[in-house]
Amino acid sequence: MTVHTTLEEAQNLPHGPQRLALVEDAVRQADLSGDGAAAYEARKELIYSANYAGQSEKMLVAFAWCRAYLDQHEAELGAWEQHGLAWYHKWVLIATHHFPQIPLERIQNLHRDYAERIRALGAGGGTVPYFELQLALHRGDVNGARTAFNIWQFARRDHLSDCPACEAQTIADYHEFTGDDAGCAGQVQRMLDRGMSCSHIPHSTHGMVLPALIRLGRWDEARRHHEQGRDLVAGDPDHVTAQARHLEYLSLTDLSGAQDWYARHVGWAERTSEFDTRLDFHLAAALLFSCLRAAGQDTLTLTLPQDLPGYRPDGTYATGERFEHHAGAARTLAQGFDARNGLPHHAHRLERTLALADLPRPTPA
């Protein structure tokens, strides 16, 4: 089987671990053959497949290899290939947020390198502040986010801009970040009214707006978003954060359903190396077990993966132990991100998530 045959076989599979493993086989084949061009194409497919499999750590090394190869073969590959790899450069900028072990200085250098390269290609007026905004939102940099957002709003779109749906959701993210829950909910509704969609939207959109609606007390809207969005992200390793948002909603409205949702998704959430998405799920799980304790449920029976931390063969778990596991993991991850980012943003997320349980709940029908 040739490298290209293996890649074609992989591309016929849905996104996920099986497709990614086949692409990794193609990379190994290409390296063993000594065919640099094939190795470049295989690694580009690896970047793509890893991104959609929720294993973005594998993107980083593949992208660095592709960047070095393209710089060495720029004359033969041409400007078109520079434009193509610039698109993957954008994915790498976001992927670096996932890993607190990557120093902030290295992330900022990647942003500067991106800006220089795409400006040389005649683009970037919009995407440079757009990705600076994304980094500021991740870090909790209020002033940086405000500055980048204002610059981006007056910038012109170009061929490297994210799709309109992704950009629209970033506006919703910014409103929530600034405490404007009504603005966040309004932006999401405008997106849905316009039928905006892409490979991630409205899949993630229905989940991301749930905390804002809960804080606003708009439970009927939250229920509709949960019902419309849960099946779009259920079981998908690329939507762990959205799964966490739905778990938060269920923890406040349907403890039995929340336990089933938790058992279905906790295995991947514990295994993913994307630590910020893992943090999102730990926060939601801490809320679930906090609510179970408040309801007087000291133990529960769950069917969980055997490799899960704290796994019990009899399936009986102490609610308090599960709460401490998830809350402790969330605190540890938050400390790692805040130490890297130089701002105390993530440390406050646990108390903010648990505070959702203190809000007035919907009256049962």
Protein backbone atom coordinates (compact mmCIF):
# COMPACT_ATOMS: atom_id res chain seq x y z
CA MET A 1 0.00 0.00 0.00
CA THR A 2 1.44 3.39 -1.01
CA VAL A 3 1.42 6.55 1.09
CA HIS A 4 -1.26 8.09 -1.11
CA THR A 5 -3.41 4.95 -0.97
CA THR A 6 -3.23 4.97 2.82
CA LEU A 7 -4.19 8.64 2.91
CA GLU A 8 -7.13 8.03 0.58
CA GLU A 9 -8.32 5.20 2.82
CA ALA A 10 -8.05 7.45 5.86
CA GLN A 11 -9.95 10.27 4.19
CA ASN A 12 -12.89 7.92 3.61
CA LEU A 13 -13.22 7.36 7.38
CA PRO A 14 -15.08 9.65 9.77
CA HIS A 15 -12.98 11.87 12.01
CA GLY A 16 -11.71 10.11 15.10
CA PRO A 17 -8.94 7.87 16.48
CA GLN A 18 -9.17 5.26 13.69
CA ARG A 19 -8.70 7.80 10.92
CA LEU A 20 -5.88 9.51 12.79
CA ALA A 21 -4.05 6.21 13.36
CA LEU A 22 -4.19 5.44 9.64
CA VAL A 23 -2.78 8.87 8.79
CA GLU A 24 0.05 8.28 11.27
CA ASP A 25 0.79 5.05 9.40
CA ALA A 26 1.02 7.06 6.19
CA VAL A 27 3.53 9.42 7.82
CA ARG A 28 5.68 6.47 8.87
CA GLN A 29 5.51 5.00 5.35
CA ALA A 30 6.58 8.31 3.86
CA ASP A 31 9.49 8.71 6.27
CA LEU A 32 10.71 5.17 5.59
CA SER A 33 10.55 5.79 1.84
CA GLY A 34 12.60 8.98 2.12
CA ASP A 35 10.06 10.82 -0.02
CA GLY A 36 9.99 14.33 1.43
CA ALA A 37 7.07 15.51 -0.67
CA ALA A 38 4.95 12.54 0.44
CA ALA A 39 5.98 13.10 4.05
CA TYR A 40 4.89 16.72 3.75
CA GLU A 41 1.47 15.78 2.35
CA ALA A 42 0.99 13.06 4.98
CA ARG A 43 1.80 15.45 7.79
CA LYS A 44 -0.61 18.04 6.45
CA GLU A 45 -3.31 15.37 6.61
CA LEU A 46 -2.11 14.53 10.13
CA ILE A 47 -2.63 18.16 11.17
CA TYR A 48 -6.13 18.09 9.73
CA SER A 49 -7.15 14.73 11.21
CA ALA A 50 -5.63 15.41 14.64
CA ASN A 51 -7.49 18.71 14.82
CA TYR A 52 -10.84 17.04 14.27
CA ALA A 53 -10.03 14.06 16.50
CA GLY A 54 -9.44 16.24 19.55
CA GLN A 55 -5.73 15.30 19.64
CA SER A 56 -4.21 18.61 18.75
CA GLU A 57 -0.91 17.82 20.49
CA LYS A 58 -0.09 15.77 17.39
CA MET A 59 -0.64 18.82 15.23
CA LEU A 60 2.18 20.79 16.80
CA VAL A 61 5.11 18.55 15.85
CA ALA A 62 3.65 17.86 12.38
CA PHE A 63 3.18 21.57 11.73
CA ALA A 64 6.75 22.42 12.79
CA TRP A 65 8.04 19.75 10.38
CA CYS A 66 5.87 21.08 7.54
CA ARG A 67 6.89 24.67 8.20
CA ALA A 68 10.59 23.77 8.06
CA TYR A 69 10.10 21.68 4.90
CA LEU A 70 8.14 24.42 3.14
CA ASP A 71 10.72 27.06 4.02
CA GLN A 72 13.41 24.81 2.48
CA HIS A 73 11.35 24.12 -0.68
CA GLU A 74 9.54 27.42 -1.12
CA ALA A 75 10.68 27.94 -4.70
CA GLU A 76 9.33 24.59 -5.86
CA LEU A 77 6.09 24.60 -3.81
CA GLY A 78 5.20 28.24 -4.38
CA ALA A 79 3.10 30.92 -2.69
CA TRP A 80 -0.09 28.86 -2.93
CA GLU A 81 1.34 26.33 -0.51
CA GLN A 82 2.36 29.17 1.84
CA HIS A 83 -1.27 30.26 1.91
CA GLY A 84 -2.40 26.72 2.61
CA LEU A 85 -0.01 26.17 5.49
CA ALA A 86 -0.93 29.57 6.92
CA TRP A 87 -4.44 28.20 7.47
CA TYR A 88 -3.00 25.37 9.58
CA HIS A 89 -0.84 27.94 11.40
CA LYS A 90 -4.11 29.42 12.68
CA TRP A 91 -5.13 26.05 14.11
CA VAL A 92 -1.76 25.75 15.82
CA LEU A 93 -2.21 29.14 17.49
CA ILE A 94 -5.41 27.87 19.14
CA ALA A 95 -3.93 24.45 19.88
CA THR A 96 -1.15 25.98 22.00
CA HIS A 97 -3.79 27.21 24.46
CA HIS A 98 -4.56 23.60 25.37
CA PHE A 99 -1.18 22.84 26.90
CA PRO A 100 0.07 24.74 29.96
CA GLN A 101 3.52 23.23 29.47
CA ILE A 102 4.03 25.42 26.39
CA PRO A 103 5.59 28.70 27.62
CA LEU A 104 3.69 31.92 26.97
CA GLU A 105 6.73 33.39 25.22
CA ARG A 106 6.71 30.55 22.68
CA ILE A 107 3.00 31.12 22.02
CA GLN A 108 3.58 34.85 21.52
CA ASN A 109 6.44 34.08 19.15
CA LEU A 110 4.12 31.87 17.11
CA HIS A 111 1.67 34.79 16.91
CA ARG A 112 4.42 37.13 15.73
CA ASP A 113 5.63 34.61 13.16
CA TYR A 114 2.06 34.17 11.89
CA ALA A 115 1.58 37.93 11.58
CA GLU A 116 4.83 38.41 9.66
CA ARG A 117 4.18 35.54 7.27
CA ILE A 118 0.62 36.37 6.32
CA ARG A 119 1.32 40.08 5.98
CA ALA A 120 4.00 39.09 3.50
CA LEU A 121 1.21 37.25 1.67
CA GLY A 122 -0.92 40.39 1.63
CA ALA A 123 -3.38 39.24 4.29
CA GLY A 124 -3.87 39.34 8.03
CA GLY A 125 -5.54 42.66 8.79
CA GLY A 126 -8.38 40.80 10.43
CA THR A 127 -6.91 37.52 11.56
CA VAL A 128 -3.97 38.98 13.50
CA PRO A 129 -6.17 40.85 16.05
CA TYR A 130 -8.70 38.00 15.90
CA PHE A 131 -6.16 35.49 17.21
CA GLU A 132 -4.76 38.01 19.65
CA LEU A 133 -8.33 38.21 20.98
CA GLN A 134 -8.52 34.43 21.27
CA LEU A 135 -5.31 34.36 23.30
CA ALA A 136 -6.50 37.20 25.55
CA LEU A 137 -9.80 35.39 26.20
CA HIS A 138 -7.91 32.24 27.12
CA ARG A 139 -5.57 34.08 29.47
CA GLY A 140 -8.27 36.25 31.05
CA ASP A 141 -6.56 39.42 29.84
CA VAL A 142 -9.44 41.93 29.98
CA ASN A 143 -7.56 44.92 28.55
CA GLY A 144 -5.89 42.86 25.86
CA ALA A 145 -9.22 41.33 24.85
CA ARG A 146 -10.92 44.73 24.65
CA THR A 147 -8.14 46.19 22.50
CA ALA A 148 -7.96 43.21 20.15
CA PHE A 149 -11.75 43.03 19.83
CA ASN A 150 -12.06 46.70 18.90
CA ILE A 151 -9.30 46.45 16.28
CA TRP A 152 -10.77 43.27 14.83
CA GLN A 153 -14.26 44.79 14.50
CA PHE A 154 -12.93 47.43 12.10
CA ALA A 155 -10.70 45.05 10.14
CA ARG A 156 -11.54 43.75 6.70
CA ARG A 157 -12.04 40.02 6.13
CA ASP A 158 -9.72 38.23 3.72
CA HIS A 159 -9.10 34.70 2.46
CA LEU A 160 -7.47 33.64 5.74
CA SER A 161 -10.34 34.80 7.93
CA ASP A 162 -12.25 32.17 9.87
CA CYS A 163 -15.70 31.38 8.53
CA PRO A 164 -18.47 33.88 9.41
CA ALA A 165 -20.05 31.38 11.81
CA CYS A 166 -16.83 30.94 13.82
CA GLU A 167 -16.28 34.69 13.93
CA ALA A 168 -19.87 35.24 15.06
CA GLN A 169 -19.41 32.77 17.90
CA THR A 170 -16.22 34.53 18.94
CA ILE A 171 -18.32 37.67 19.41
CA ALA A 172 -20.62 35.65 21.69
CA ASP A 173 -17.58 34.36 23.59
CA TYR A 174 -16.35 37.92 24.05
CA HIS A 175 -19.71 39.09 25.43
CA GLU A 176 -19.75 36.26 27.97
CA PHE A 177 -16.13 36.97 28.92
CA THR A 178 -16.99 40.60 29.69
CA GLY A 179 -19.99 39.57 31.82
CA ASP A 180 -22.57 40.54 29.22
CA ASP A 181 -24.69 37.38 29.33
CA ALA A 182 -27.61 39.06 27.56
CA GLY A 183 -25.28 40.14 24.75
CA CYS A 184 -23.94 36.59 24.49
CA ALA A 185 -27.44 35.11 24.28
CA GLY A 186 -28.54 37.73 21.75
CA GLN A 187 -25.55 37.05 19.51
CA VAL A 188 -26.22 33.31 19.59
CA GLN A 189 -29.85 33.86 18.66
CA ARG A 190 -28.81 36.03 15.71
CA MET A 191 -26.49 33.24 14.57
CA LEU A 192 -29.28 30.70 14.67
CA ASP A 193 -31.79 33.02 13.03
CA ARG A 194 -29.36 33.43 10.12
CA GLY A 195 -28.73 29.70 9.88
CA MET A 196 -24.98 30.14 10.41
CA SER A 197 -23.12 26.84 10.42
CA CYS A 198 -19.82 25.06 9.83
CA SER A 199 -18.19 21.85 11.06
CA HIS A 200 -18.28 23.12 14.67
CA ILE A 201 -21.33 25.38 14.60
CA PRO A 202 -24.06 25.21 15.78
CA HIS A 203 -22.77 22.02 17.47
CA SER A 204 -20.73 23.93 20.06
CA THR A 205 -22.98 27.00 20.01
CA HIS A 206 -25.92 25.38 21.79
CA GLY A 207 -23.63 24.33 24.61
CA MET A 208 -21.57 27.52 24.96
CA VAL A 209 -24.64 29.70 25.56
CA LEU A 210 -26.09 27.52 28.34
CA PRO A 211 -24.22 29.11 31.31
CA ALA A 212 -25.23 32.60 30.17
CA LEU A 213 -28.90 31.58 29.90
CA ILE A 214 -28.77 29.86 33.29
CA ARG A 215 -27.35 32.97 34.95
CA LEU A 216 -30.08 35.03 33.24
CA GLY A 217 -32.75 32.64 34.53
CA ARG A 218 -33.94 31.97 30.97
CA TRP A 219 -34.55 28.28 31.56
CA ASP A 220 -36.96 27.67 28.67
CA GLU A 221 -34.35 28.92 26.21
CA ALA A 222 -31.67 26.87 27.93
CA ARG A 223 -33.82 23.75 27.63
CA ARG A 224 -34.31 24.35 23.90
CA HIS A 225 -30.59 24.80 23.34
CA HIS A 226 -29.85 21.66 25.33
CA GLU A 227 -32.39 19.61 23.39
CA GLN A 228 -31.22 20.95 20.03
CA GLY A 229 -27.51 20.62 20.76
CA ARG A 230 -26.92 17.52 22.84
CA ASP A 231 -27.17 14.98 20.02
CA LEU A 232 -24.90 17.08 17.82
CA VAL A 233 -21.97 16.66 20.25
CA ALA A 234 -22.76 13.41 22.07
CA GLY A 235 -19.86 10.97 21.88
CA ASP A 236 -17.70 13.27 19.74
CA PRO A 237 -14.13 13.62 21.09
CA ASP A 238 -13.81 16.99 19.34
CA HIS A 239 -16.61 18.54 21.43
CA VAL A 240 -15.62 17.84 25.04
CA THR A 241 -16.19 21.46 26.07
CA ALA A 242 -19.73 21.45 24.67
CA GLN A 243 -20.35 18.13 26.42
CA ALA A 244 -19.26 19.79 29.66
CA ARG A 245 -21.74 22.64 29.16
CA HIS A 246 -24.57 20.16 28.65
CA LEU A 247 -23.46 18.30 31.78
CA GLU A 248 -23.72 21.55 33.75
CA TYR A 249 -27.26 22.09 32.49
CA LEU A 250 -28.31 18.52 33.32
CA SER A 251 -26.73 18.75 36.77
CA LEU A 252 -29.11 21.60 37.56
CA THR A 253 -32.22 20.16 35.94
CA ASP A 254 -32.04 16.36 35.69
CA LEU A 255 -29.64 14.55 38.03
CA SER A 256 -30.44 11.13 36.59
CA GLY A 257 -29.82 12.32 33.04
CA ALA A 258 -26.66 14.07 34.21
CA GLN A 259 -25.26 10.82 35.60
CA ASP A 260 -25.88 9.03 32.30
CA TRP A 261 -24.27 11.88 30.32
CA TYR A 262 -21.30 11.92 32.71
CA ALA A 263 -20.74 8.16 32.41
CA ARG A 264 -20.88 8.36 28.62
CA HIS A 265 -18.30 11.15 28.28
CA VAL A 266 -15.97 11.12 31.27
CA GLY A 267 -13.64 8.50 29.77
CA TRP A 268 -12.58 10.61 26.81
CA ALA A 269 -12.49 13.77 28.92
CA GLU A 270 -10.05 12.12 31.34
CA ARG A 271 -7.87 10.79 28.54
CA THR A 272 -7.59 13.81 26.27
CA SER A 273 -4.28 15.60 26.38
CA GLU A 274 -6.00 18.92 25.58
CA PHE A 275 -5.84 20.13 29.15
CA ASP A 276 -8.15 23.11 28.83
CA THR A 277 -10.97 20.92 27.53
CA ARG A 278 -10.20 18.45 30.30
CA LEU A 279 -10.47 21.35 32.74
CA ASP A 280 -13.88 22.25 31.30
CA PHE A 281 -15.18 18.75 31.97
CA HIS A 282 -13.70 18.54 35.47
CA LEU A 283 -15.50 21.77 36.34
CA ALA A 284 -18.83 20.45 35.07
CA ALA A 285 -18.34 17.11 36.84
CA ALA A 286 -17.55 18.90 40.11
CA LEU A 287 -20.87 20.72 39.74
CA LEU A 288 -22.68 17.41 39.17
CA PHE A 289 -21.30 15.76 42.29
CA SER A 290 -21.83 18.91 44.32
CA CYS A 291 -25.50 18.85 43.31
CA LEU A 292 -25.76 15.14 44.11
CA ARG A 293 -24.36 15.75 47.60
CA ALA A 294 -26.76 18.64 48.11
CA ALA A 295 -29.61 16.30 47.12
CA GLY A 296 -28.53 13.86 49.85
CA GLN A 297 -27.16 11.19 47.49
CA ASP A 298 -24.03 9.87 49.18
CA THR A 299 -23.35 6.99 46.77
CA LEU A 300 -24.31 6.13 43.22
CA THR A 301 -23.86 3.33 40.72
CA LEU A 302 -22.11 4.13 37.45
CA THR A 303 -20.66 2.09 34.61
CA LEU A 304 -17.32 3.78 34.00
CA PRO A 305 -14.23 2.85 31.93
CA GLN A 306 -11.74 0.64 33.74
CA ASP A 307 -8.84 3.03 33.09
CA LEU A 308 -10.64 5.90 34.81
CA PRO A 309 -8.95 7.31 37.96
CA GLY A 310 -10.82 5.96 40.98
CA TYR A 311 -12.49 3.15 39.01
CA ARG A 312 -14.38 0.61 41.15
CA PRO A 313 -15.23 -2.86 39.77
CA ASP A 314 -18.56 -2.95 41.61
CA GLY A 315 -19.58 0.35 40.02
CA THR A 316 -20.42 1.95 43.37
CA TYR A 317 -18.93 5.40 43.92
CA ALA A 318 -18.96 7.80 46.85
CA THR A 319 -20.33 11.14 45.72
CA GLY A 320 -17.91 13.04 47.93
CA GLU A 321 -14.90 11.19 46.54
CA ARG A 322 -15.92 11.89 42.96
CA PHE A 323 -16.44 15.55 43.80
CA GLU A 324 -12.98 15.82 45.37
CA HIS A 325 -11.38 14.08 42.41
CA HIS A 326 -12.87 16.44 39.84
CA ALA A 327 -12.58 19.61 41.93
CA GLY A 328 -8.97 18.77 42.81
CA ALA A 329 -8.09 18.05 39.18
CA ALA A 330 -9.73 21.32 38.12
CA ARG A 331 -7.73 23.30 40.70
CA THR A 332 -4.46 21.68 39.61
CA LEU A 333 -5.07 22.36 35.92
CA ALA A 334 -6.21 25.91 36.63
CA GLN A 335 -3.02 26.60 38.58
CA GLY A 336 -0.94 25.31 35.67
CA PHE A 337 -2.69 27.55 33.16
CA ASP A 338 -2.55 30.63 35.38
CA ALA A 339 1.15 30.09 36.11
CA ARG A 340 1.84 29.88 32.37
CA ASN A 341 -0.43 32.78 31.45
CA GLY A 342 0.62 35.12 34.24
CA LEU A 343 -2.97 35.95 35.24
CA PRO A 344 -5.30 34.47 37.93
CA HIS A 345 -8.13 33.75 35.49
CA HIS A 346 -8.71 30.01 35.64
CA ALA A 347 -8.41 29.80 39.43
CA HIS A 348 -11.81 31.48 39.76
CA ARG A 349 -13.61 29.18 37.35
CA LEU A 350 -14.41 26.43 39.88
CA GLU A 351 -16.23 28.75 42.26
CA ARG A 352 -17.98 30.38 39.31
CA THR A 353 -19.18 27.01 38.03
CA LEU A 354 -20.29 25.76 41.44
CA ALA A 355 -22.17 29.03 41.98
CA LEU A 356 -24.57 28.00 39.21
CA ALA A 357 -26.17 25.67 41.78
CA ASP A 358 -27.06 28.68 43.96
CA LEU A 359 -29.21 30.28 41.29
CA PRO A 360 -33.02 29.87 41.28
CA ARG A 361 -34.00 26.67 39.45
CA PRO A 362 -36.90 26.17 37.05
CA THR A 363 -40.13 25.03 38.68
CA PRO A 364 -40.90 21.39 37.81
CA ALA A 365 -43.88 21.01 35.47
